[in-house]
Structures are given as C-alpha cells and as structure tokens.
C-alpha cells in the first residue's frame, strides 16, 4: 500500500507509531533507515483482485496520518519556552509538587553537576535543556502518543532554532530507557539525564516510595542503574554521595 508523500514531512517516529500501534501495519524503510511512503498489510483473505483491500487500507490510514500532521503543525506554532509556565499546572506527584516544581529542582541539580564536570558553559546549556526537557508533555503530539516524549521535544527544539546539543539533550535525558539502551550522546545530555534521574531517586526515596521485590512502579532501579552506567562508561569525575547531596539540597 501507499500514502501521499506529503506526510513524510512529519517526523517518521510519529508516522511509524501511528501505523504500527493503531493499524498494525508494517512501515517500510529505505536502505538508509528512512521511512518511505509505502507500507505492508497482512490480510486473511485471498481475493482475485487485491486492489480493493489495498485501497481500503490506504483509505483507513490516511486520516491517522493527517491527524499526526495536524498535531505536528499545531505544536510548532508555540515555542518550547512558551510552554514552560504550563508545567506548573501538570501534577508530578501529590507529595512532590508539579512538573514545574520538578523542573526547578532538576535545573538546580544540572547546574551543580555541569559546573563540576565542564564549567560554566556546560552548566548553562544543561540548565536550558533541563528547563525545556519536559515541555513537550504539553504538546498535542505527546498527548496523543506519550511514547514520543523527549523525541518530539528534540524536533520542536530544532524548530525553535536551538542548538543541536540542546535538542539532543532533550531527547537523550530519558536514556538509558531500558537495559542495553544507549547513553546520552553529548555532555549536555549526560548532565541532564543524571540530574533528572537523581531528582527522581531522591524524591521518591524521600517520601518513602521504595521499590519492592516484585514492584517498582517509578522505575527506580532503572534510574539507579542509568546513573551508575553514566558514571562508569562516561568516566565522570564525580562521587555518588556528592551527587546525592546536590539532589537533596535541590
């Protein structure tokens, strides 16, 4: 099957997700890993003329892609910076405040870590990235597809003409997302990822939300392992107890 090439102007992560999650289609990529305007469907019938099946599926997928295109175009009308104040209206945890409160704490931790490992320039970039890292939670695209948080923030940061290291840090601050996942690709992303995970660990342990043998709803083990991996693999000149103190003070 095919869809109109104009939809390829939308980030391919959005199109792939809507085709796979909503329609169970198979998007097709080219040799360079870029999405093409073709996709596969599996049918449990064997008609003499497959054109009706093809056209039916093309007709079904078109509104889904149009929705993604609409969300993307609407979101880009507002800058990430203009969404910062809105974080104060998004609840993070009833004992830890709003996403705005959390953003302030992450910024303070990022500034302290950035100054230690890279000086004032790294600290300033890390604070900016941390300030904007959660703003894509307020976008239509992430509202429809929560799996794209961070990914869309990077696209919108580039749309706002922010530097590439800031855009990558917004996406990478969630990394590592799972076992074996890659670490943030640049120092700004490493700092923000550390700050974000440390804030979560200190905050959740501070209010008594501890993981148990079979439950870890806030993924605290994953956050802790991510901190350890970054410290070891990036050879960071930091002590864990010092970072914990930074997070506690924030």
Protein backbone atom coordinates (compact mmCIF):
# COMPACT_ATOMS: atom_id res chain seq x y z
CA UNK A 1 0.00 0.00 0.00
CA UNK A 2 0.98 3.66 -0.32
CA UNK A 3 0.19 7.03 1.20
CA UNK A 4 0.82 10.57 -0.01
CA UNK A 5 4.47 11.64 0.13
CA UNK A 6 3.48 14.94 1.76
CA UNK A 7 3.04 13.08 5.06
CA UNK A 8 6.77 12.33 5.10
CA UNK A 9 7.31 15.92 6.27
CA UNK A 10 6.08 14.70 9.67
CA UNK A 11 8.78 13.08 11.86
CA UNK A 12 8.95 9.44 10.90
CA UNK A 13 8.67 8.30 14.54
CA UNK A 14 5.12 9.72 14.59
CA UNK A 15 4.08 8.03 11.35
CA UNK A 16 5.63 4.69 12.27
CA UNK A 17 3.97 4.71 15.68
CA UNK A 18 0.52 5.52 14.34
CA UNK A 19 0.77 2.85 11.64
CA UNK A 20 2.05 0.15 13.98
CA UNK A 21 0.03 0.95 17.09
CA UNK A 22 -3.30 1.97 15.59
CA UNK A 23 -3.47 -0.09 12.41
CA UNK A 24 -0.96 -2.93 12.90
CA UNK A 25 0.68 -2.06 9.57
CA UNK A 26 4.30 -2.64 8.65
CA UNK A 27 6.05 0.64 7.67
CA UNK A 28 8.75 0.24 5.03
CA UNK A 29 12.16 1.90 5.35
CA UNK A 30 14.76 2.52 2.68
CA UNK A 31 18.37 1.33 2.81
CA UNK A 32 19.30 4.33 4.96
CA UNK A 33 16.62 3.62 7.53
CA UNK A 34 14.31 6.42 6.41
CA UNK A 35 10.58 5.90 6.18
CA UNK A 36 9.13 5.57 2.69
CA UNK A 37 5.56 6.28 1.58
CA UNK A 38 4.82 2.56 1.31
CA UNK A 39 3.64 0.06 3.91
CA UNK A 40 2.59 -3.57 4.13
CA UNK A 41 -0.64 -5.08 5.43
CA UNK A 42 -1.47 -8.70 6.13
CA UNK A 43 -4.87 -9.95 5.10
CA UNK A 44 -6.55 -13.25 5.93
CA UNK A 45 -8.37 -13.36 2.61
CA UNK A 46 -7.08 -14.15 -0.87
CA UNK A 47 -9.13 -12.08 -3.32
CA UNK A 48 -8.67 -12.41 -7.06
CA UNK A 49 -8.21 -8.65 -7.18
CA UNK A 50 -6.25 -7.24 -4.22
CA UNK A 51 -6.84 -3.62 -5.24
CA UNK A 52 -9.96 -3.31 -3.07
CA UNK A 53 -8.01 -4.48 0.00
CA UNK A 54 -5.16 -2.13 -0.82
CA UNK A 55 -7.40 0.85 -1.41
CA UNK A 56 -9.39 0.13 1.75
CA UNK A 57 -6.29 0.14 3.92
CA UNK A 58 -4.94 3.25 2.23
CA UNK A 59 -8.23 4.96 2.94
CA UNK A 60 -8.09 3.91 6.60
CA UNK A 61 -4.53 5.07 7.25
CA UNK A 62 -4.91 8.48 5.62
CA UNK A 63 -6.92 10.13 8.46
CA UNK A 64 -4.45 8.77 11.02
CA UNK A 65 -1.52 10.32 9.19
CA UNK A 66 -3.47 13.54 8.69
CA UNK A 67 -4.04 13.72 12.46
CA UNK A 68 -0.30 13.33 13.09
CA UNK A 69 0.43 16.02 10.52
CA UNK A 70 -2.10 18.36 12.15
CA UNK A 71 -0.65 17.81 15.64
CA UNK A 72 2.87 18.44 14.36
CA UNK A 73 1.91 21.65 12.57
CA UNK A 74 -0.09 22.96 15.52
CA UNK A 75 2.64 22.20 18.05
CA UNK A 76 5.24 24.12 16.07
CA UNK A 77 3.20 27.32 16.37
CA UNK A 78 4.33 27.61 20.01
CA UNK A 79 7.91 27.54 21.24
CA UNK A 80 9.03 25.19 23.96
CA UNK A 81 9.94 28.20 26.08
CA UNK A 82 6.36 29.47 25.88
CA UNK A 83 5.18 26.19 27.40
CA UNK A 84 7.41 26.33 30.50
CA UNK A 85 4.86 28.11 32.70
CA UNK A 86 2.29 25.46 31.85
CA UNK A 87 4.37 22.83 33.66
CA UNK A 88 3.19 24.30 36.96
CA UNK A 89 -0.32 23.07 36.11
CA UNK A 90 0.77 19.47 35.49
CA UNK A 91 0.84 17.31 38.63
CA UNK A 92 4.01 15.27 39.08
CA UNK A 93 3.24 13.73 42.48
CA UNK A 94 0.94 14.94 45.22
CA UNK A 95 3.84 14.94 47.69
CA UNK A 96 6.45 16.34 45.29
CA UNK A 97 4.51 19.07 43.53
CA UNK A 98 4.04 19.86 39.87
CA UNK A 99 6.20 19.24 36.84
CA UNK A 100 7.17 22.90 37.18
CA UNK A 101 8.45 22.27 40.71
CA UNK A 102 10.32 19.23 39.47
CA UNK A 103 11.82 21.17 36.57
CA UNK A 104 13.20 23.75 39.03
CA UNK A 105 14.86 21.02 41.08
CA UNK A 106 16.32 19.29 38.00
CA UNK A 107 17.73 22.62 36.79
CA UNK A 108 19.47 23.19 40.12
CA UNK A 109 21.00 19.70 40.10
CA UNK A 110 22.04 20.03 36.44
CA UNK A 111 23.74 23.36 37.15
CA UNK A 112 25.75 21.89 40.02
CA UNK A 113 26.82 18.79 38.07
CA UNK A 114 27.57 20.81 34.92
CA UNK A 115 29.83 23.21 36.81
CA UNK A 116 31.75 20.31 38.32
CA UNK A 117 32.49 18.42 35.13
CA UNK A 118 32.51 21.17 32.48
CA UNK A 119 32.43 24.62 33.98
CA UNK A 120 30.01 27.49 33.47
CA UNK A 121 29.36 26.91 29.75
CA UNK A 122 28.23 23.30 30.23
CA UNK A 123 26.22 24.29 33.29
CA UNK A 124 24.34 26.99 31.38
CA UNK A 125 23.50 24.66 28.50
CA UNK A 126 22.40 21.93 30.89
CA UNK A 127 20.10 24.31 32.74
CA UNK A 128 18.47 25.42 29.48
CA UNK A 129 17.98 21.81 28.34
CA UNK A 130 16.60 20.82 31.75
CA UNK A 131 14.22 23.79 31.70
CA UNK A 132 12.75 22.66 28.38
CA UNK A 133 13.08 18.89 28.73
CA UNK A 134 9.51 18.24 29.91
CA UNK A 135 7.70 20.93 27.93
CA UNK A 136 6.75 18.53 25.15
CA UNK A 137 4.41 16.89 27.66
CA UNK A 138 2.13 19.83 26.91
CA UNK A 139 2.09 19.29 23.14
CA UNK A 140 -0.74 17.70 21.18
CA UNK A 141 1.56 15.08 19.68
CA UNK A 142 2.81 13.76 23.02
CA UNK A 143 -0.71 13.99 24.40
CA UNK A 144 -1.77 11.57 21.66
CA UNK A 145 1.40 9.46 21.73
CA UNK A 146 3.07 9.54 25.17
CA UNK A 147 5.78 7.21 23.86
CA UNK A 148 7.18 10.16 21.87
CA UNK A 149 8.04 12.34 24.86
CA UNK A 150 11.60 13.55 24.51
CA UNK A 151 11.68 12.62 20.84
CA UNK A 152 9.20 15.35 19.93
CA UNK A 153 10.89 17.79 22.29
CA UNK A 154 14.05 17.43 20.21
CA UNK A 155 12.18 18.11 16.97
CA UNK A 156 10.46 21.17 18.43
CA UNK A 157 13.76 22.45 19.85
CA UNK A 158 15.26 22.36 16.36
CA UNK A 159 12.16 24.14 15.07
CA UNK A 160 12.86 26.83 17.68
CA UNK A 161 16.41 27.10 16.28
CA UNK A 162 18.05 25.86 19.45
CA UNK A 163 21.48 24.26 19.17
CA UNK A 164 21.83 20.60 18.30
CA UNK A 165 23.34 19.68 21.67
CA UNK A 166 20.31 21.17 23.44
CA UNK A 167 17.91 19.32 21.13
CA UNK A 168 19.75 16.02 21.60
CA UNK A 169 19.85 16.52 25.36
CA UNK A 170 16.07 16.94 25.47
CA UNK A 171 15.67 13.60 23.73
CA UNK A 172 18.54 11.83 25.48
CA UNK A 173 17.75 12.82 29.06
CA UNK A 174 15.43 9.79 29.25
CA UNK A 175 18.32 7.47 28.34
CA UNK A 176 19.03 4.75 29.08
CA UNK A 177 15.34 3.88 28.75
CA UNK A 178 15.91 0.14 29.21
CA UNK A 179 18.65 -2.42 29.68
CA UNK A 180 21.21 -2.14 26.92
CA UNK A 181 19.90 1.20 25.68
CA UNK A 182 22.39 3.82 24.53
CA UNK A 183 23.58 6.59 26.84
CA UNK A 184 23.14 10.32 26.07
CA UNK A 185 25.24 11.30 23.09
CA UNK A 186 26.75 14.56 24.37
CA UNK A 187 27.86 16.09 27.70
CA UNK A 188 24.73 18.27 27.99
CA UNK A 189 22.52 15.22 27.69
CA UNK A 190 24.59 13.31 30.24
CA UNK A 191 24.27 16.12 32.78
CA UNK A 192 20.51 16.50 32.31
CA UNK A 193 19.96 12.73 32.37
CA UNK A 194 21.90 12.46 35.63
CA UNK A 195 20.01 15.38 37.15
CA UNK A 196 16.63 14.00 36.09
CA UNK A 197 17.32 10.53 37.47
CA UNK A 198 18.84 11.79 40.71
CA UNK A 199 15.84 14.03 41.33
CA UNK A 200 13.53 11.07 40.86
CA UNK A 201 15.57 8.80 43.13
CA UNK A 202 15.97 11.29 45.96
CA UNK A 203 12.38 12.48 45.72
CA UNK A 204 10.79 9.04 45.66
CA UNK A 205 13.01 7.58 48.35
CA UNK A 206 12.49 10.76 50.36
CA UNK A 207 8.72 10.25 50.53
CA UNK A 208 9.03 6.51 51.13
CA UNK A 209 8.12 5.20 47.67
CA UNK A 210 10.60 2.33 47.75
CA UNK A 211 10.74 -0.49 45.21
CA UNK A 212 9.86 -3.96 46.46
CA UNK A 213 10.85 -7.40 45.31
CA UNK A 214 8.16 -7.51 42.64
CA UNK A 215 7.09 -3.89 42.16
CA UNK A 216 8.96 -0.79 41.03
CA UNK A 217 6.27 1.49 39.56
CA UNK A 218 8.58 4.51 39.30
CA UNK A 219 11.42 2.52 37.68
CA UNK A 220 13.82 3.49 40.44
CA UNK A 221 16.11 0.52 39.77
CA UNK A 222 16.38 1.55 36.13
CA UNK A 223 17.17 5.13 37.14
CA UNK A 224 19.85 3.97 39.57
CA UNK A 225 21.44 1.67 37.01
CA UNK A 226 21.38 4.52 34.49
CA UNK A 227 23.27 6.76 36.91
CA UNK A 228 25.86 4.04 37.54
CA UNK A 229 26.30 3.33 33.83
CA UNK A 230 26.84 7.00 33.00
CA UNK A 231 29.37 7.44 35.80
CA UNK A 232 31.35 4.38 34.72
CA UNK A 233 31.09 4.45 30.93
CA UNK A 234 31.49 8.24 30.62
CA UNK A 235 34.30 8.21 33.22
CA UNK A 236 32.77 11.13 35.10
CA UNK A 237 34.89 12.76 37.83
CA UNK A 238 32.03 12.62 40.32
CA UNK A 239 31.31 10.86 43.58
CA UNK A 240 27.86 9.37 44.05
CA UNK A 241 27.47 10.71 47.58
CA UNK A 242 28.26 14.21 46.29
CA UNK A 243 25.61 13.96 43.58
CA UNK A 244 23.11 12.64 46.11
CA UNK A 245 23.82 15.66 48.30
CA UNK A 246 23.31 18.01 45.32
CA UNK A 247 19.96 16.39 44.63
CA UNK A 248 18.89 16.54 48.27
CA UNK A 249 19.73 20.23 48.54
CA UNK A 250 17.70 21.00 45.38
